[in-house]
C-alpha cells in the first residue's frame, strides 16, 4: 500500500491523475484507513473537479491530521471549487494559523472573504488584513496580492483606493509579461470605478 501511495504521489506531481487514482484505490483496498492514500485520493478527485467524491476523503484527512495545514488547505480548495465558500473559509484560516506567512494562502483566503457571492461568507475587514499582509510580504510587486487587496478595499467600500491598487496590479502585470490576466483585471477595474465590488 505504501509503495503504491508513494508512486501515486509522483504521478500527481506530473498531473497524471487518472493513473494516480488507480494506484490509490488499490492501496486503499489493501489498507482502507491509510491516511496518506485517502488524502491523496481526495486531491486527485478534486483536481479532476470531482468534488462530491473527493471531499469525503479530504474530510478524513483533516480529521486524522487536524494540525496539518496542507490537509486544511486541500479541503478548503475543494469546498471553494464547489462554491461552498462558507465551508472553505474556516479551513483556509486553520491552514493560515500554521502558515501565517504563506502568500498564496493569504491571497486565497482574502479573495474568498472579499469576493464570495455568499453574503454570510464575506468579511471585508478580515480580507483587508490578510491581503494587506500579502502585499507587504511581496513588496507590492506581485499581481495576485494587489488584486486581492483591491477586492478587499472594494468590499469595504473604499472604491478609489481599490481602483488605484488594481491600477498598480495592471502595471505590474504589463511589466512582467502577464498579459493573459489583463482582461479580467481591466474588467474589475471598471467595476471599482463604478463603485461596485467584485463577486466571484
N, C-alpha and C. Protein backbone atom coordinates (compact mmCIF):
# COMPACT_ATOMS: atom_id res chain seq x y z
N UNK A 1 0.83 -1.20 0.00
CA UNK A 1 0.00 0.00 0.00
C UNK A 1 0.87 1.26 0.00
N UNK A 2 1.93 1.23 0.82
CA UNK A 2 2.82 2.39 0.92
C UNK A 2 3.51 2.66 -0.41
N UNK A 3 3.97 1.59 -1.07
CA UNK A 3 4.67 1.75 -2.36
C UNK A 3 3.73 2.36 -3.40
N UNK A 4 2.49 1.88 -3.41
CA UNK A 4 1.51 2.42 -4.37
C UNK A 4 1.22 3.90 -4.08
N UNK A 5 1.11 4.22 -2.80
CA UNK A 5 0.84 5.61 -2.41
C UNK A 5 1.99 6.52 -2.82
N UNK A 6 3.22 6.05 -2.60
CA UNK A 6 4.40 6.84 -2.98
C UNK A 6 4.47 7.03 -4.49
N UNK A 7 4.17 5.95 -5.22
CA UNK A 7 4.20 6.04 -6.69
C UNK A 7 3.12 7.02 -7.17
N UNK A 8 1.95 6.96 -6.53
CA UNK A 8 0.85 7.86 -6.89
C UNK A 8 1.25 9.32 -6.67
N UNK A 9 2.03 9.58 -5.62
CA UNK A 9 2.49 10.96 -5.35
C UNK A 9 3.31 11.49 -6.52
N UNK A 10 4.14 10.64 -7.11
CA UNK A 10 4.92 11.04 -8.28
C UNK A 10 4.01 11.32 -9.48
N UNK A 11 3.00 10.47 -9.64
CA UNK A 11 2.05 10.66 -10.75
C UNK A 11 1.27 11.97 -10.59
N UNK A 12 0.88 12.27 -9.34
CA UNK A 12 0.15 13.52 -9.07
C UNK A 12 1.03 14.72 -9.44
N UNK A 13 2.29 14.65 -9.06
CA UNK A 13 3.23 15.75 -9.36
C UNK A 13 3.34 15.99 -10.87
N UNK A 14 3.14 14.92 -11.65
CA UNK A 14 3.21 15.02 -13.11
C UNK A 14 1.84 15.32 -13.73
N UNK A 15 0.81 15.45 -12.88
CA UNK A 15 -0.54 15.73 -13.39
C UNK A 15 -1.23 14.52 -14.00
N UNK A 16 -0.74 13.32 -13.68
CA UNK A 16 -1.32 12.08 -14.25
C UNK A 16 -2.35 11.53 -13.25
N UNK A 17 -3.48 12.24 -13.17
CA UNK A 17 -4.45 11.97 -12.11
C UNK A 17 -5.19 10.64 -12.26
N UNK A 18 -5.52 10.26 -13.48
CA UNK A 18 -6.26 9.01 -13.68
C UNK A 18 -5.44 7.82 -13.23
N UNK A 19 -4.15 7.82 -13.60
CA UNK A 19 -3.26 6.73 -13.18
C UNK A 19 -3.08 6.73 -11.67
N UNK A 20 -2.91 7.93 -11.11
CA UNK A 20 -2.73 8.04 -9.66
C UNK A 20 -3.94 7.49 -8.93
N UNK A 21 -5.13 7.81 -9.44
CA UNK A 21 -6.37 7.33 -8.81
C UNK A 21 -6.40 5.81 -8.76
N UNK A 22 -6.00 5.16 -9.85
CA UNK A 22 -5.99 3.69 -9.90
C UNK A 22 -5.10 3.12 -8.80
N UNK A 23 -3.90 3.67 -8.65
CA UNK A 23 -2.96 3.17 -7.64
C UNK A 23 -3.45 3.46 -6.22
N UNK A 24 -4.05 4.62 -6.02
CA UNK A 24 -4.53 4.97 -4.68
C UNK A 24 -5.71 4.10 -4.26
N UNK A 25 -6.61 3.84 -5.20
CA UNK A 25 -7.75 2.97 -4.87
C UNK A 25 -7.26 1.56 -4.54
N UNK A 26 -6.25 1.09 -5.27
CA UNK A 26 -5.66 -0.23 -4.98
C UNK A 26 -5.02 -0.24 -3.59
N UNK A 27 -4.33 0.85 -3.25
CA UNK A 27 -3.70 0.96 -1.92
C UNK A 27 -4.75 0.92 -0.82
N UNK A 28 -5.90 1.56 -1.06
CA UNK A 28 -6.95 1.60 -0.05
C UNK A 28 -7.70 0.27 0.08
N UNK A 29 -7.66 -0.55 -0.96
CA UNK A 29 -8.22 -1.91 -0.85
C UNK A 29 -7.35 -2.71 0.12
N UNK A 30 -6.03 -2.54 -0.01
CA UNK A 30 -5.09 -3.25 0.86
C UNK A 30 -5.11 -2.71 2.29
N UNK A 31 -5.25 -1.39 2.40
CA UNK A 31 -5.19 -0.74 3.72
C UNK A 31 -6.21 0.41 3.75
N UNK A 32 -7.47 0.10 4.08
CA UNK A 32 -8.57 1.07 3.95
C UNK A 32 -8.40 2.37 4.74
N UNK A 33 -7.66 2.33 5.85
CA UNK A 33 -7.54 3.53 6.68
C UNK A 33 -6.20 4.24 6.52
N UNK A 34 -5.52 4.00 5.41
CA UNK A 34 -4.23 4.65 5.13
C UNK A 34 -4.48 6.14 4.87
N UNK A 35 -4.12 6.97 5.85
CA UNK A 35 -4.42 8.41 5.79
C UNK A 35 -3.82 9.08 4.57
N UNK A 36 -2.57 8.76 4.26
CA UNK A 36 -1.89 9.39 3.13
C UNK A 36 -2.59 9.08 1.82
N UNK A 37 -3.02 7.83 1.66
CA UNK A 37 -3.72 7.42 0.44
C UNK A 37 -5.07 8.11 0.34
N UNK A 38 -5.77 8.22 1.47
CA UNK A 38 -7.07 8.90 1.47
C UNK A 38 -6.90 10.36 1.07
N UNK A 39 -5.92 11.02 1.68
CA UNK A 39 -5.68 12.44 1.37
C UNK A 39 -5.32 12.62 -0.10
N UNK A 40 -4.44 11.76 -0.59
CA UNK A 40 -4.01 11.87 -1.99
C UNK A 40 -5.16 11.60 -2.96
N UNK A 41 -6.01 10.63 -2.61
CA UNK A 41 -7.16 10.34 -3.48
C UNK A 41 -8.11 11.53 -3.50
N UNK A 42 -8.30 12.16 -2.35
CA UNK A 42 -9.12 13.36 -2.31
C UNK A 42 -8.58 14.46 -3.20
N UNK A 43 -7.25 14.64 -3.17
CA UNK A 43 -6.60 15.66 -4.01
C UNK A 43 -6.79 15.34 -5.49
N UNK A 44 -6.59 14.07 -5.84
CA UNK A 44 -6.71 13.63 -7.24
C UNK A 44 -8.13 13.85 -7.76
N UNK A 45 -9.12 13.50 -6.96
CA UNK A 45 -10.51 13.66 -7.39
C UNK A 45 -10.88 15.14 -7.50
N UNK A 46 -10.42 15.95 -6.53
CA UNK A 46 -10.70 17.39 -6.58
C UNK A 46 -10.02 18.03 -7.79
N UNK A 47 -8.82 17.57 -8.11
CA UNK A 47 -8.09 18.12 -9.27
C UNK A 47 -8.83 17.86 -10.57
N UNK A 48 -9.66 16.81 -10.56
CA UNK A 48 -10.48 16.49 -11.74
C UNK A 48 -11.89 17.09 -11.61
N UNK A 49 -12.05 17.97 -10.61
CA UNK A 49 -13.33 18.64 -10.33
C UNK A 49 -14.43 17.66 -9.94
N UNK A 50 -14.03 16.52 -9.39
CA UNK A 50 -14.98 15.53 -8.88
C UNK A 50 -15.10 15.74 -7.37
N UNK A 51 -15.61 16.93 -7.03
CA UNK A 51 -15.60 17.36 -5.64
C UNK A 51 -16.45 16.49 -4.72
N UNK A 52 -17.63 16.06 -5.21
CA UNK A 52 -18.50 15.23 -4.38
C UNK A 52 -17.80 13.95 -3.94
N UNK A 53 -16.97 13.40 -4.83
CA UNK A 53 -16.23 12.18 -4.50
C UNK A 53 -15.01 12.49 -3.64
N UNK A 54 -14.34 13.60 -3.92
CA UNK A 54 -13.08 13.91 -3.25
C UNK A 54 -13.21 14.44 -1.84
N UNK A 55 -14.24 15.25 -1.59
CA UNK A 55 -14.37 15.92 -0.29
C UNK A 55 -14.44 14.94 0.89
N UNK A 56 -15.18 13.82 0.80
CA UNK A 56 -15.17 12.89 1.95
C UNK A 56 -13.77 12.39 2.32
N UNK A 57 -12.93 12.16 1.32
CA UNK A 57 -11.55 11.73 1.61
C UNK A 57 -10.74 12.86 2.24
N UNK A 58 -10.97 14.09 1.78
CA UNK A 58 -10.26 15.24 2.34
C UNK A 58 -10.72 15.53 3.77
N UNK A 59 -12.00 15.29 4.04
CA UNK A 59 -12.51 15.44 5.41
C UNK A 59 -11.85 14.44 6.35
N UNK A 60 -11.67 13.20 5.86
CA UNK A 60 -10.99 12.17 6.66
C UNK A 60 -9.55 12.58 6.95
N UNK A 61 -8.90 13.18 5.95
CA UNK A 61 -7.51 13.60 6.13
C UNK A 61 -7.40 14.68 7.21
N UNK A 62 -8.35 15.62 7.22
CA UNK A 62 -8.35 16.68 8.24
C UNK A 62 -8.64 16.09 9.62
N UNK A 63 -9.57 15.14 9.68
CA UNK A 63 -9.90 14.51 10.96
C UNK A 63 -8.69 13.75 11.52
N UNK A 64 -7.93 13.12 10.63
CA UNK A 64 -6.76 12.35 11.06
C UNK A 64 -5.58 13.25 11.42
N UNK A 65 -5.51 14.42 10.76
CA UNK A 65 -4.36 15.33 10.98
C UNK A 65 -4.86 16.76 11.15
N UNK A 66 -5.54 17.04 12.27
CA UNK A 66 -6.16 18.37 12.44
C UNK A 66 -5.17 19.53 12.50
N UNK A 67 -3.90 19.24 12.76
CA UNK A 67 -2.90 20.32 12.82
C UNK A 67 -2.11 20.46 11.52
N UNK A 68 -2.51 19.73 10.49
CA UNK A 68 -1.78 19.74 9.21
C UNK A 68 -2.34 20.83 8.30
N UNK A 69 -1.58 21.91 8.05
CA UNK A 69 -2.10 22.99 7.20
C UNK A 69 -2.40 22.54 5.77
N UNK A 70 -1.65 21.57 5.27
CA UNK A 70 -1.87 21.09 3.90
C UNK A 70 -3.23 20.40 3.79
N UNK A 71 -3.58 19.60 4.80
CA UNK A 71 -4.87 18.91 4.80
C UNK A 71 -6.01 19.93 4.80
N UNK A 72 -5.87 20.97 5.64
CA UNK A 72 -6.91 22.01 5.70
C UNK A 72 -7.00 22.76 4.37
N UNK A 73 -5.86 23.06 3.79
CA UNK A 73 -5.86 23.82 2.54
C UNK A 73 -6.49 23.01 1.40
N UNK A 74 -6.15 21.73 1.31
CA UNK A 74 -6.73 20.88 0.26
C UNK A 74 -8.25 20.83 0.37
N UNK A 75 -8.74 20.69 1.61
CA UNK A 75 -10.18 20.66 1.82
C UNK A 75 -10.81 22.01 1.49
N UNK A 76 -10.16 23.09 1.92
CA UNK A 76 -10.66 24.44 1.63
C UNK A 76 -10.77 24.68 0.13
N UNK A 77 -9.74 24.28 -0.61
CA UNK A 77 -9.75 24.49 -2.06
C UNK A 77 -10.85 23.68 -2.74
N UNK A 78 -11.11 22.48 -2.22
CA UNK A 78 -12.18 21.65 -2.79
C UNK A 78 -13.55 22.29 -2.51
N UNK A 79 -13.77 22.73 -1.27
CA UNK A 79 -15.03 23.41 -0.95
C UNK A 79 -15.20 24.66 -1.82
N UNK A 80 -14.13 25.45 -1.97
CA UNK A 80 -14.19 26.66 -2.79
C UNK A 80 -14.48 26.32 -4.24
N UNK A 81 -13.88 25.25 -4.72
CA UNK A 81 -14.10 24.81 -6.10
C UNK A 81 -15.54 24.44 -6.36
N UNK A 82 -16.21 24.03 -5.30
CA UNK A 82 -17.62 23.65 -5.39
C UNK A 82 -18.55 24.82 -5.08
N UNK A 83 -17.95 25.98 -4.77
CA UNK A 83 -18.76 27.15 -4.44
C UNK A 83 -19.26 27.17 -3.01
N UNK A 84 -18.70 26.30 -2.16
CA UNK A 84 -19.13 26.22 -0.75
C UNK A 84 -18.17 27.08 0.09
N UNK A 85 -18.21 28.39 -0.18
CA UNK A 85 -17.24 29.32 0.40
C UNK A 85 -17.29 29.37 1.93
N UNK A 86 -18.51 29.35 2.49
CA UNK A 86 -18.64 29.44 3.94
C UNK A 86 -18.00 28.24 4.63
N UNK A 87 -17.94 27.10 3.94
CA UNK A 87 -17.28 25.92 4.49
C UNK A 87 -15.78 25.95 4.20
N UNK A 88 -15.40 26.59 3.11
CA UNK A 88 -13.97 26.66 2.75
C UNK A 88 -13.19 27.57 3.68
N UNK A 89 -13.76 28.72 4.02
CA UNK A 89 -13.02 29.76 4.74
C UNK A 89 -12.44 29.29 6.08
N UNK A 90 -13.21 28.58 6.93
CA UNK A 90 -12.60 28.13 8.20
C UNK A 90 -11.37 27.25 8.00
N UNK A 91 -11.36 26.47 6.94
CA UNK A 91 -10.21 25.60 6.69
C UNK A 91 -9.02 26.40 6.14
N UNK A 92 -9.30 27.41 5.32
CA UNK A 92 -8.21 28.30 4.90
C UNK A 92 -7.61 29.00 6.13
N UNK A 93 -8.47 29.47 7.02
CA UNK A 93 -7.99 30.16 8.23
C UNK A 93 -7.21 29.22 9.14
N UNK A 94 -7.66 27.96 9.23
CA UNK A 94 -6.94 26.96 10.03
C UNK A 94 -5.55 26.72 9.45
N UNK A 95 -5.45 26.66 8.13
CA UNK A 95 -4.15 26.48 7.47
C UNK A 95 -3.25 27.69 7.75
N UNK A 96 -3.85 28.88 7.73
CA UNK A 96 -3.07 30.11 7.97
C UNK A 96 -2.52 30.20 9.39
N UNK A 97 -3.22 29.58 10.34
CA UNK A 97 -2.71 29.57 11.72
C UNK A 97 -1.33 28.92 11.78
N UNK A 98 -1.13 27.93 10.93
CA UNK A 98 0.15 27.20 10.91
C UNK A 98 1.14 27.78 9.91
N UNK A 99 0.62 28.48 8.89
CA UNK A 99 1.47 29.03 7.82
C UNK A 99 1.14 30.51 7.61
N UNK A 100 1.34 31.36 8.63
CA UNK A 100 0.88 32.76 8.53
C UNK A 100 1.60 33.60 7.48
N UNK A 101 2.75 33.13 7.01
CA UNK A 101 3.49 33.90 6.01
C UNK A 101 3.39 33.34 4.61
N UNK A 102 2.46 32.41 4.39
CA UNK A 102 2.28 31.81 3.07
C UNK A 102 1.45 32.76 2.20
N UNK A 103 2.10 33.40 1.24
CA UNK A 103 1.46 34.44 0.43
C UNK A 103 0.28 33.89 -0.36
N UNK A 104 0.44 32.73 -0.99
CA UNK A 104 -0.66 32.19 -1.80
C UNK A 104 -1.86 31.85 -0.93
N UNK A 105 -1.60 31.40 0.29
CA UNK A 105 -2.67 31.08 1.23
C UNK A 105 -3.36 32.36 1.72
N UNK A 106 -2.57 33.38 2.01
CA UNK A 106 -3.14 34.68 2.39
C UNK A 106 -4.05 35.21 1.28
N UNK A 107 -3.59 35.11 0.04
CA UNK A 107 -4.38 35.61 -1.09
C UNK A 107 -5.65 34.80 -1.32
N UNK A 108 -5.53 33.47 -1.25
CA UNK A 108 -6.70 32.62 -1.48
C UNK A 108 -7.79 32.90 -0.45
N UNK A 109 -7.36 33.07 0.80
CA UNK A 109 -8.32 33.33 1.88
C UNK A 109 -8.93 34.72 1.75
N UNK A 110 -8.08 35.72 1.51
CA UNK A 110 -8.56 37.09 1.35
C UNK A 110 -9.53 37.20 0.18
N UNK A 111 -9.21 36.50 -0.92
CA UNK A 111 -10.04 36.56 -2.12
C UNK A 111 -11.46 36.06 -1.83
N UNK A 112 -11.57 34.92 -1.14
CA UNK A 112 -12.90 34.40 -0.81
C UNK A 112 -13.63 35.34 0.14
N UNK A 113 -12.92 35.82 1.16
CA UNK A 113 -13.55 36.72 2.14
C UNK A 113 -14.04 38.01 1.49
N UNK A 114 -13.37 38.45 0.43
CA UNK A 114 -13.73 39.72 -0.22
C UNK A 114 -14.74 39.55 -1.35
N UNK A 115 -14.71 38.40 -2.05
CA UNK A 115 -15.46 38.29 -3.30
C UNK A 115 -16.55 37.23 -3.33
N UNK A 116 -16.71 36.47 -2.25
CA UNK A 116 -17.70 35.40 -2.27
C UNK A 116 -19.09 35.93 -2.59
N UNK A 117 -19.82 35.17 -3.38
CA UNK A 117 -21.21 35.53 -3.68
C UNK A 117 -22.11 35.26 -2.47
N UNK A 118 -21.60 34.52 -1.50
CA UNK A 118 -22.33 34.18 -0.28
C UNK A 118 -22.14 35.30 0.74
N UNK A 119 -23.22 36.04 1.00
CA UNK A 119 -23.14 37.17 1.94
C UNK A 119 -22.63 36.74 3.31
N UNK A 120 -22.96 35.52 3.73
CA UNK A 120 -22.55 35.04 5.05
C UNK A 120 -21.07 34.69 5.11
N UNK A 121 -20.46 34.48 3.95
CA UNK A 121 -19.04 34.10 3.91
C UNK A 121 -18.13 35.32 3.89
N UNK A 122 -18.62 36.44 3.34
CA UNK A 122 -17.75 37.61 3.16
C UNK A 122 -17.42 38.30 4.48
N UNK A 123 -16.19 38.81 4.55
CA UNK A 123 -15.75 39.60 5.70
C UNK A 123 -14.66 40.54 5.18
N UNK A 124 -15.08 41.72 4.76
CA UNK A 124 -14.16 42.66 4.13
C UNK A 124 -13.00 43.08 5.01
N UNK A 125 -13.28 43.29 6.29
CA UNK A 125 -12.22 43.75 7.21
C UNK A 125 -11.13 42.69 7.34
N UNK A 126 -11.54 41.44 7.47
CA UNK A 126 -10.56 40.34 7.58
C UNK A 126 -9.81 40.17 6.26
N UNK A 127 -10.52 40.30 5.15
CA UNK A 127 -9.89 40.20 3.83
C UNK A 127 -8.82 41.27 3.68
N UNK A 128 -9.14 42.47 4.13
CA UNK A 128 -8.22 43.60 4.04
C UNK A 128 -6.94 43.33 4.83
N UNK A 129 -7.11 42.77 6.01
CA UNK A 129 -5.96 42.44 6.87
C UNK A 129 -5.05 41.41 6.18
N UNK A 130 -5.65 40.34 5.65
CA UNK A 130 -4.86 39.26 5.04
C UNK A 130 -4.21 39.70 3.73
N UNK A 131 -4.97 40.39 2.90
CA UNK A 131 -4.42 40.85 1.61
C UNK A 131 -3.33 41.90 1.84
N UNK A 132 -3.54 42.75 2.84
CA UNK A 132 -2.52 43.75 3.17
C UNK A 132 -1.21 43.09 3.57
N UNK A 133 -1.33 42.01 4.32
CA UNK A 133 -0.13 41.25 4.73
C UNK A 133 0.56 40.65 3.50
N UNK A 134 -0.22 40.11 2.57
CA UNK A 134 0.35 39.52 1.35
C UNK A 134 1.10 40.57 0.53
N UNK A 135 0.51 41.76 0.41
CA UNK A 135 1.16 42.85 -0.33
C UNK A 135 2.45 43.28 0.36
N UNK A 136 2.39 43.33 1.68
CA UNK A 136 3.57 43.69 2.47
C UNK A 136 4.70 42.67 2.24
N UNK A 137 4.36 41.38 2.29
CA UNK A 137 5.36 40.32 2.13
C UNK A 137 5.97 40.29 0.73
N UNK A 138 5.20 40.75 -0.26
CA UNK A 138 5.69 40.72 -1.65
C UNK A 138 6.19 42.09 -2.11
N UNK A 139 6.26 43.04 -1.18
CA UNK A 139 6.78 44.36 -1.51
C UNK A 139 5.93 45.12 -2.51
N UNK A 140 4.64 44.76 -2.61
CA UNK A 140 3.75 45.44 -3.55
C UNK A 140 4.09 45.23 -5.00
N UNK A 141 4.80 44.12 -5.29
CA UNK A 141 5.24 43.87 -6.67
C UNK A 141 4.68 42.57 -7.23
N UNK A 142 3.56 42.11 -6.67
CA UNK A 142 3.01 40.83 -7.12
C UNK A 142 1.53 41.02 -7.46
N UNK A 143 1.15 40.64 -8.66
CA UNK A 143 -0.18 40.94 -9.19
C UNK A 143 -1.30 40.37 -8.33
N UNK A 144 -1.20 39.09 -7.97
CA UNK A 144 -2.30 38.44 -7.25
C UNK A 144 -2.56 39.11 -5.90
N UNK A 145 -1.49 39.48 -5.22
CA UNK A 145 -1.65 40.14 -3.91
C UNK A 145 -2.32 41.51 -4.06
N UNK A 146 -1.91 42.27 -5.05
CA UNK A 146 -2.52 43.58 -5.30
C UNK A 146 -3.98 43.42 -5.71
N UNK A 147 -4.28 42.41 -6.51
CA UNK A 147 -5.65 42.12 -6.94
C UNK A 147 -6.52 41.77 -5.73
N UNK A 148 -5.98 40.95 -4.82
CA UNK A 148 -6.71 40.58 -3.60
C UNK A 148 -6.96 41.81 -2.73
N UNK A 149 -5.94 42.66 -2.60
CA UNK A 149 -6.10 43.87 -1.79
C UNK A 149 -7.14 44.80 -2.40
N UNK A 150 -7.12 44.94 -3.71
CA UNK A 150 -8.11 45.79 -4.38
C UNK A 150 -9.53 45.27 -4.14
N UNK A 151 -9.70 43.95 -4.22
CA UNK A 151 -11.02 43.35 -3.99
C UNK A 151 -11.48 43.60 -2.56
N UNK A 152 -10.55 43.50 -1.61
CA UNK A 152 -10.88 43.74 -0.20
C UNK A 152 -11.24 45.20 0.03
N UNK A 153 -10.51 46.11 -0.60
CA UNK A 153 -10.82 47.54 -0.48
C UNK A 153 -12.21 47.84 -1.05
N UNK A 154 -12.53 47.22 -2.19
CA UNK A 154 -13.85 47.42 -2.79
C UNK A 154 -14.95 46.87 -1.89
N UNK A 155 -14.71 45.71 -1.30
CA UNK A 155 -15.70 45.10 -0.41
C UNK A 155 -15.97 45.97 0.80
N UNK A 156 -14.98 46.74 1.24
CA UNK A 156 -15.17 47.63 2.39
C UNK A 156 -15.58 49.04 1.95
N UNK A 157 -15.93 49.21 0.67
CA UNK A 157 -16.46 50.48 0.18
C UNK A 157 -15.42 51.52 -0.17
N UNK A 158 -14.15 51.13 -0.17
CA UNK A 158 -13.07 52.09 -0.47
C UNK A 158 -12.70 52.00 -1.95
N UNK A 159 -13.64 52.43 -2.79
CA UNK A 159 -13.51 52.21 -4.24
C UNK A 159 -12.37 52.97 -4.91
N UNK A 160 -12.12 54.25 -4.56
CA UNK A 160 -10.98 54.93 -5.20
C UNK A 160 -9.65 54.22 -4.91
N UNK A 161 -9.48 53.76 -3.66
CA UNK A 161 -8.26 53.03 -3.30
C UNK A 161 -8.21 51.68 -4.02
N UNK A 162 -9.37 51.04 -4.14
CA UNK A 162 -9.43 49.75 -4.85
C UNK A 162 -8.98 49.93 -6.29
N UNK A 163 -9.48 50.99 -6.93
CA UNK A 163 -9.13 51.25 -8.33
C UNK A 163 -7.64 51.56 -8.48
N UNK A 164 -7.10 52.37 -7.59
CA UNK A 164 -5.67 52.73 -7.71
C UNK A 164 -4.78 51.52 -7.43
N UNK A 165 -5.21 50.65 -6.50
CA UNK A 165 -4.45 49.43 -6.20
C UNK A 165 -4.47 48.48 -7.39
N UNK A 166 -5.64 48.36 -8.01
CA UNK A 166 -5.74 47.47 -9.17
C UNK A 166 -4.97 48.04 -10.36
N UNK A 167 -4.94 49.36 -10.45
CA UNK A 167 -4.15 50.01 -11.50
C UNK A 167 -2.66 49.63 -11.35
N UNK A 168 -2.21 49.59 -10.09
CA UNK A 168 -0.83 49.15 -9.82
C UNK A 168 -0.64 47.70 -10.27
N UNK A 169 -1.63 46.85 -9.97
CA UNK A 169 -1.56 45.44 -10.36
C UNK A 169 -1.44 45.31 -11.88
N UNK A 170 -2.20 46.13 -12.59
CA UNK A 170 -2.17 46.11 -14.06
C UNK A 170 -0.79 46.51 -14.57
N UNK A 171 -0.21 47.54 -13.97
CA UNK A 171 1.14 47.96 -14.39
C UNK A 171 2.18 46.87 -14.13
N UNK A 172 2.05 46.18 -12.99
CA UNK A 172 2.97 45.08 -12.67
C UNK A 172 2.77 43.94 -13.68
N UNK A 173 1.52 43.63 -13.99
CA UNK A 173 1.23 42.55 -14.95
C UNK A 173 1.82 42.88 -16.31
N UNK A 174 1.68 44.12 -16.73
CA UNK A 174 2.21 44.54 -18.04
C UNK A 174 3.74 44.47 -18.06
N UNK A 175 4.36 44.92 -16.97
CA UNK A 175 5.83 44.97 -16.95
C UNK A 175 6.47 43.60 -16.77
N UNK A 176 5.67 42.61 -16.31
CA UNK A 176 6.22 41.27 -16.11
C UNK A 176 5.70 40.26 -17.14
N UNK A 177 5.02 40.78 -18.17
CA UNK A 177 4.57 39.91 -19.26
C UNK A 177 3.40 39.01 -18.95
N UNK A 178 2.62 39.35 -17.91
CA UNK A 178 1.45 38.53 -17.55
C UNK A 178 0.20 39.04 -18.27
N UNK A 179 0.27 39.04 -19.58
CA UNK A 179 -0.79 39.65 -20.39
C UNK A 179 -2.11 38.86 -20.35
N UNK A 180 -2.03 37.58 -20.07
CA UNK A 180 -3.24 36.75 -20.08
C UNK A 180 -4.25 37.15 -19.00
N UNK A 181 -3.77 37.77 -17.92
CA UNK A 181 -4.71 38.15 -16.86
C UNK A 181 -5.21 39.59 -16.98
N UNK A 182 -4.69 40.33 -17.96
CA UNK A 182 -5.09 41.74 -18.09
C UNK A 182 -6.58 41.94 -18.34
N UNK A 183 -7.24 41.13 -19.20
CA UNK A 183 -8.67 41.37 -19.42
C UNK A 183 -9.50 41.32 -18.14
N UNK A 184 -9.25 40.31 -17.28
CA UNK A 184 -10.05 40.23 -16.05
C UNK A 184 -9.71 41.35 -15.08
N UNK A 185 -8.45 41.79 -15.06
CA UNK A 185 -8.08 42.93 -14.21
C UNK A 185 -8.78 44.20 -14.67
N UNK A 186 -8.81 44.43 -15.97
CA UNK A 186 -9.49 45.62 -16.51
C UNK A 186 -11.00 45.56 -16.24
N UNK A 187 -11.56 44.35 -16.30
CA UNK A 187 -12.99 44.19 -16.00
C UNK A 187 -13.27 44.60 -14.55
N UNK A 188 -12.43 44.15 -13.63
CA UNK A 188 -12.62 44.51 -12.22
C UNK A 188 -12.37 46.01 -12.00
N UNK A 189 -11.41 46.56 -12.70
CA UNK A 189 -11.13 48.00 -12.58
C UNK A 189 -12.37 48.81 -12.95
N UNK A 190 -13.06 48.38 -14.00
CA UNK A 190 -14.30 49.05 -14.41
C UNK A 190 -15.35 49.02 -13.31
N UNK A 191 -15.46 47.87 -12.63
CA UNK A 191 -16.42 47.74 -11.53
C UNK A 191 -16.08 48.71 -10.40
N UNK A 192 -14.81 48.74 -10.01
CA UNK A 192 -14.41 49.58 -8.87
C UNK A 192 -14.60 51.05 -9.19
N UNK A 193 -14.30 51.43 -10.44
CA UNK A 193 -14.50 52.83 -10.83
C UNK A 193 -15.98 53.20 -10.83
N UNK A 194 -16.84 52.18 -11.02
CA UNK A 194 -18.29 52.41 -10.99
C UNK A 194 -18.87 52.25 -9.58
N UNK A 195 -17.99 52.03 -8.61
CA UNK A 195 -18.45 51.89 -7.22
C UNK A 195 -19.09 50.55 -6.93
N UNK A 196 -18.63 49.51 -7.61
CA UNK A 196 -19.18 48.16 -7.39
C UNK A 196 -18.08 47.20 -6.95
N UNK A 197 -18.42 46.32 -6.02
CA UNK A 197 -17.49 45.27 -5.60
C UNK A 197 -17.56 44.11 -6.60
N UNK A 198 -16.51 43.30 -6.61
CA UNK A 198 -16.47 42.13 -7.50
C UNK A 198 -16.99 40.91 -6.74
N UNK A 199 -17.79 40.09 -7.46
CA UNK A 199 -18.27 38.82 -6.89
C UNK A 199 -17.78 37.68 -7.76
N UNK A 200 -17.25 36.65 -7.10
CA UNK A 200 -16.70 35.53 -7.87
C UNK A 200 -17.80 34.58 -8.34
